[in-house]
Each structure stands twice: as structure tokens, then as C-alpha cells.
C-alpha atoms as a PDB file:
ATOM      1  CA  MET A   1     -49.725   9.668 -41.542  1.00  0.00           C
ATOM      2  CA  LYS A   2     -46.624  11.768 -42.097  1.00  0.00           C
ATOM      3  CA  ALA A   3     -46.696  12.939 -38.479  1.00  0.00           C
ATOM      4  CA  LEU A   4     -46.840   9.338 -37.220  1.00  0.00           C
ATOM      5  CA  PHE A   5     -43.805   8.380 -39.340  1.00  0.00           C
ATOM      6  CA  THR A   6     -41.835  11.410 -38.064  1.00  0.00           C
ATOM      7  CA  GLN A   7     -42.732  10.558 -34.478  1.00  0.00           C
ATOM      8  CA  LYS A   8     -41.474   6.949 -34.838  1.00  0.00           C
ATOM      9  CA  LEU A   9     -38.260   8.144 -36.524  1.00  0.00           C
ATOM     10  CA  GLN A  10     -37.560  10.550 -33.675  1.00  0.00           C
ATOM     11  CA  ARG A  11     -38.032   7.809 -31.074  1.00  0.00           C
ATOM     12  CA  LYS A  12     -35.600   5.481 -32.868  1.00  0.00           C
ATOM     13  CA  SER A  13     -32.833   8.078 -33.317  1.00  0.00           C
ATOM     14  CA  ARG A  14     -32.532   9.020 -29.654  1.00  0.00           C
ATOM     15  CA  GLY A  15     -29.358   6.925 -29.144  1.00  0.00           C
ATOM     16  CA  PHE A  16     -28.248   3.835 -27.256  1.00  0.00           C
ATOM     17  CA  THR A  17     -29.751   2.654 -24.013  1.00  0.00           C
ATOM     18  CA  LEU A  18     -27.675   2.341 -20.879  1.00  0.00           C
ATOM     19  CA  ILE A  19     -27.850  -1.463 -21.100  1.00  0.00           C
ATOM     20  CA  GLU A  20     -26.485  -1.446 -24.644  1.00  0.00           C
ATOM     21  CA  LEU A  21     -23.579   0.780 -23.615  1.00  0.00           C
ATOM     22  CA  LEU A  22     -22.771  -1.443 -20.626  1.00  0.00           C
ATOM     23  CA  VAL A  23     -22.774  -4.570 -22.804  1.00  0.00           C
ATOM     24  CA  VAL A  24     -20.363  -2.947 -25.281  1.00  0.00           C
ATOM     25  CA  LEU A  25     -18.071  -1.800 -22.448  1.00  0.00           C
ATOM     26  CA  ALA A  26     -18.073  -5.314 -20.945  1.00  0.00           C
ATOM     27  CA  ILE A  27     -17.094  -6.829 -24.300  1.00  0.00           C
ATOM     28  CA  LEU A  28     -14.292  -4.285 -24.788  1.00  0.00           C
ATOM     29  CA  THR A  29     -12.998  -4.957 -21.261  1.00  0.00           C
ATOM     30  CA  LEU A  30     -12.930  -8.707 -21.894  1.00  0.00           C
ATOM     31  CA  LEU A  31     -11.046  -8.216 -25.161  1.00  0.00           C
ATOM     32  CA  ALA A  32      -8.508  -5.897 -23.523  1.00  0.00           C
ATOM     33  CA  GLY A  33      -8.018  -8.431 -20.726  1.00  0.00           C
ATOM     34  CA  LEU A  34      -7.319 -11.234 -23.188  1.00  0.00           C
ATOM     35  CA  VAL A  35      -5.237  -9.381 -25.765  1.00  0.00           C
ATOM     36  CA  GLY A  36      -3.402  -6.848 -23.558  1.00  0.00           C
ATOM     37  CA  PRO A  37      -1.047  -9.245 -21.739  1.00  0.00           C
ATOM     38  CA  LYS A  38      -0.060 -10.963 -25.001  1.00  0.00           C
ATOM     39  CA  VAL A  39       0.803  -7.649 -26.650  1.00  0.00           C
ATOM     40  CA  LEU A  40       2.788  -6.457 -23.624  1.00  0.00           C
ATOM     41  CA  SER A  41       4.768  -9.705 -23.445  1.00  0.00           C
ATOM     42  CA  GLN A  42       5.729  -9.279 -27.102  1.00  0.00           C
ATOM     43  CA  LEU A  43       6.993  -5.762 -26.379  1.00  0.00           C
ATOM     44  CA  GLY A  44       9.269  -7.064 -23.640  1.00  0.00           C
ATOM     45  CA  GLY A  45      10.712  -9.765 -25.857  1.00  0.00           C
ATOM     46  CA  ALA A  46      11.416  -7.178 -28.529  1.00  0.00           C
ATOM     47  CA  LYS A  47      13.906  -5.379 -26.274  1.00  0.00           C
ATOM     48  CA  SER A  48      15.807  -8.595 -25.590  1.00  0.00           C
ATOM     49  CA  LYS A  49      15.899  -9.375 -29.308  1.00  0.00           C
ATOM     50  CA  THR A  50      17.098  -5.848 -30.054  1.00  0.00           C
ATOM     51  CA  ALA A  51      19.927  -6.270 -27.556  1.00  0.00           C
ATOM     52  CA  GLY A  52      20.912  -9.553 -29.224  1.00  0.00           C
ATOM     53  CA  VAL A  53      20.978  -7.907 -32.644  1.00  0.00           C
ATOM     54  CA  GLN A  54      23.038  -4.966 -31.357  1.00  0.00           C
ATOM     55  CA  ILE A  55      25.521  -7.337 -29.723  1.00  0.00           C
ATOM     56  CA  ALA A  56      25.878  -9.231 -33.005  1.00  0.00           C
ATOM     57  CA  ASP A  57      26.502  -5.919 -34.818  1.00  0.00           C
ATOM     58  CA  LEU A  58      29.104  -4.909 -32.236  1.00  0.00           C
ATOM     59  CA  GLN A  59      30.799  -8.292 -32.653  1.00  0.00           C
ATOM     60  CA  LYS A  60      31.001  -7.764 -36.438  1.00  0.00           C
ATOM     61  CA  ALA A  61      32.487  -4.301 -35.924  1.00  0.00           C
ATOM     62  CA  LEU A  62      35.037  -5.798 -33.504  1.00  0.00           C
ATOM     63  CA  ASP A  63      35.967  -8.458 -36.071  1.00  0.00           C
ATOM     64  CA  ILE A  64      36.589  -5.792 -38.727  1.00  0.00           C
ATOM     65  CA  TYR A  65      38.651  -3.820 -36.189  1.00  0.00           C
ATOM     66  CA  LYS A  66      40.741  -6.945 -35.591  1.00  0.00           C
ATOM     67  CA  LEU A  67      41.297  -7.422 -39.329  1.00  0.00           C
ATOM     68  CA  ASP A  68      42.580  -3.844 -39.629  1.00  0.00           C
ATOM     69  CA  VAL A  69      44.583  -3.561 -36.402  1.00  0.00           C
ATOM     70  CA  GLY A  70      45.603  -7.181 -35.852  1.00  0.00           C
ATOM     71  CA  ARG A  71      43.978  -7.497 -32.434  1.00  0.00           C
ATOM     72  CA  TYR A  72      40.765  -6.762 -30.581  1.00  0.00           C
ATOM     73  CA  PRO A  73      40.581  -3.622 -28.437  1.00  0.00           C
ATOM     74  CA  THR A  74      41.849  -4.104 -24.914  1.00  0.00           C
ATOM     75  CA  THR A  75      39.369  -4.006 -22.058  1.00  0.00           C
ATOM     76  CA  GLU A  76      40.723  -0.555 -21.163  1.00  0.00           C
ATOM     77  CA  GLU A  77      40.213   0.744 -24.711  1.00  0.00           C
ATOM     78  CA  GLY A  78      36.723  -0.721 -24.690  1.00  0.00           C
ATOM     79  CA  LEU A  79      34.080  -0.293 -27.341  1.00  0.00           C
ATOM     80  CA  GLU A  80      35.072   3.363 -27.757  1.00  0.00           C
ATOM     81  CA  ALA A  81      37.956   2.077 -29.897  1.00  0.00           C
ATOM     82  CA  LEU A  82      35.347   1.331 -32.548  1.00  0.00           C
ATOM     83  CA  ALA A  83      34.271   4.981 -32.681  1.00  0.00           C
ATOM     84  CA  LYS A  84      37.522   6.861 -31.931  1.00  0.00           C
ATOM     85  CA  GLN A  85      41.070   5.796 -32.706  1.00  0.00           C
ATOM     86  CA  PRO A  86      43.036   4.955 -29.592  1.00  0.00           C
ATOM     87  CA  GLY A  87      46.299   6.904 -29.492  1.00  0.00           C
ATOM     88  CA  ASN A  88      48.787   4.049 -29.979  1.00  0.00           C
ATOM     89  CA  VAL A  89      46.924   1.904 -32.538  1.00  0.00           C
ATOM     90  CA  ARG A  90      48.267   1.454 -36.074  1.00  0.00           C
ATOM     91  CA  GLY A  91      46.129   0.323 -38.975  1.00  0.00           C
ATOM     92  CA  TRP A  92      42.917   1.740 -37.505  1.00  0.00           C
ATOM     93  CA  ASN A  93      40.557   2.419 -40.407  1.00  0.00           C
ATOM     94  CA  GLY A  94      37.397   3.469 -38.597  1.00  0.00           C
ATOM     95  CA  PRO A  95      35.092   4.571 -37.287  1.00  0.00           C
ATOM     96  CA  TYR A  96      33.628   1.089 -37.300  1.00  0.00           C
ATOM     97  CA  LEU A  97      30.272   2.224 -35.896  1.00  0.00           C
ATOM     98  CA  THR A  98      28.116   4.992 -37.290  1.00  0.00           C
ATOM     99  CA  GLY A  99      26.646   7.197 -34.596  1.00  0.00           C
ATOM    100  CA  GLY A 100      29.007   6.044 -31.862  1.00  0.00           C
ATOM    101  CA  VAL A 101      28.671   3.157 -29.440  1.00  0.00           C
ATOM    102  CA  PRO A 102      24.984   2.391 -28.772  1.00  0.00           C
ATOM    103  CA  SER A 103      23.450   1.820 -25.366  1.00  0.00           C
ATOM    104  CA  ASP A 104      21.386  -1.298 -24.757  1.00  0.00           C
ATOM    105  CA  PRO A 105      17.592  -1.011 -25.172  1.00  0.00           C
ATOM    106  CA  TRP A 106      17.241  -0.150 -21.471  1.00  0.00           C
ATOM    107  CA  GLY A 107      19.664   2.783 -21.735  1.00  0.00           C
ATOM    108  CA  ASN A 108      22.661   1.091 -20.090  1.00  0.00           C
ATOM    109  CA  PRO A 109      26.099   0.795 -21.685  1.00  0.00           C
ATOM    110  CA  TYR A 110      27.150  -2.567 -23.076  1.00  0.00           C
ATOM    111  CA  ARG A 111      29.910  -4.224 -21.090  1.00  0.00           C
ATOM    112  CA  TYR A 112      33.024  -5.245 -22.982  1.00  0.00           C
ATOM    113  CA  GLY A 113      35.935  -7.390 -21.917  1.00  0.00           C
ATOM    114  CA  TYR A 114      38.856  -9.003 -23.704  1.00  0.00           C
ATOM    115  CA  ALA A 115      40.931 -11.670 -21.993  1.00  0.00           C
ATOM    116  CA  ASN A 116      42.711 -14.867 -23.064  1.00  0.00           C
ATOM    117  CA  GLY A 117      41.849 -14.245 -26.711  1.00  0.00           C
ATOM    118  CA  LYS A 118      38.110 -14.091 -26.035  1.00  0.00           C
ATOM    119  CA  VAL A 119      35.764 -11.150 -26.452  1.00  0.00           C
ATOM    120  CA  GLU A 120      32.841 -10.753 -24.079  1.00  0.00           C
ATOM    121  CA  LEU A 121      29.945  -8.429 -24.887  1.00  0.00           C
ATOM    122  CA  LEU A 122      27.190  -8.213 -22.328  1.00  0.00           C
ATOM    123  CA  SER A 123      23.919  -6.437 -21.583  1.00  0.00           C
ATOM    124  CA  LEU A 124      22.637  -6.883 -18.046  1.00  0.00           C
ATOM    125  CA  GLY A 125      19.000  -6.795 -19.129  1.00  0.00           C
ATOM    126  CA  SER A 126      16.178  -4.669 -17.814  1.00  0.00           C
ATOM    127  CA  ASP A 127      17.292  -4.687 -14.168  1.00  0.00           C
ATOM    128  CA  GLY A 128      20.927  -3.714 -14.851  1.00  0.00           C
ATOM    129  CA  GLN A 129      22.084  -6.457 -12.444  1.00  0.00           C
ATOM    130  CA  PRO A 130      24.009  -9.661 -13.205  1.00  0.00           C
ATOM    131  CA  GLY A 131      21.854 -12.769 -13.638  1.00  0.00           C
ATOM    132  CA  GLY A 132      18.101 -12.593 -13.691  1.00  0.00           C
ATOM    133  CA  GLU A 133      15.303 -14.204 -15.648  1.00  0.00           C
ATOM    134  CA  GLY A 134      13.059 -13.129 -18.504  1.00  0.00           C
ATOM    135  CA  GLU A 135      13.630  -9.483 -19.423  1.00  0.00           C
ATOM    136  CA  ALA A 136      16.130  -9.144 -16.571  1.00  0.00           C
ATOM    137  CA  ALA A 137      18.340 -11.955 -17.938  1.00  0.00           C
ATOM    138  CA  ASP A 138      21.826 -11.161 -19.184  1.00  0.00           C
ATOM    139  CA  ILE A 139      22.338 -11.157 -22.951  1.00  0.00           C
ATOM    140  CA  ARG A 140      25.798 -12.162 -24.237  1.00  0.00           C
ATOM    141  CA  ASN A 141      27.653 -12.642 -27.481  1.00  0.00           C
ATOM    142  CA  ALA A 142      28.178 -16.175 -28.752  1.00  0.00           C
ATOM    143  CA  GLN A 143      31.938 -16.320 -28.161  1.00  0.00           C
END
């Protein structure tokens, strides 16, 4: 009797059949096909949101710079004026950014311009080219 029980136990503990493994792989493939694109689209949107947050932070630093100096940095001075004092500026009380001027989430520098009393901060998106859609769209400050 004991030998019969041991024999049945050995047969049951041999592992999974090929059919069972194929069914599990098919289910995992279907799940990856359904969930994968949604997760990847969220990752892309995160970079655009990060750029928007960084632009808002840069705008706040520029506003504090203006309170101290009385004006925004010129286009020539650029965003570097937030990290290092330009030679001819009085009232500078920085640095206004810790760690220097950040790059956008795609590794490109933010574009800065000041003209007619308006500040423009811009990231060109994932493609680094003006215009575009989705992740490649330009991201600007609200001014």
C-alpha cells in the first residue's frame, strides 16, 4: 500500500505539462499586450508634466530675480543669471536655483527670451524641433 501511494505521489510531482505552460504564456502575453501600451503612454506624459513643472519653477525664480534686481534677465543674460550673477547687475541676491539651470526632461536646454516686458520659457519637447504633437509638442510658460 505504501509503495502505491509513493508511486502516485511521484507521478503528480513531475511538473507542468507543455500545454499548461503554453496556456500560462498565452495569458501573460495577452496581459502584456493590454497593459503595456497604457503604462508606456503614462511614462511619456510624465516627461511633459515634468517639463511643465520645471518651467513653472523657473518662472518663480525669474519673478524673485525681478523683485531683487528690478527687471528680468535680458535674453543675452539668459537663465544663467539665475545661477551666476551677471557682471553689471545690482541687487542680485542669488543664486535663485539650487544645482544650476536644469535641462528639460529630454536633455535639451530650456529656451529663454525677454522682449516687450514678456518672458518666454520654452521646451521643444521630445523631438527638439519647434511645433509637434503629443510628446513632441512645445511646452511654454503661461505668460
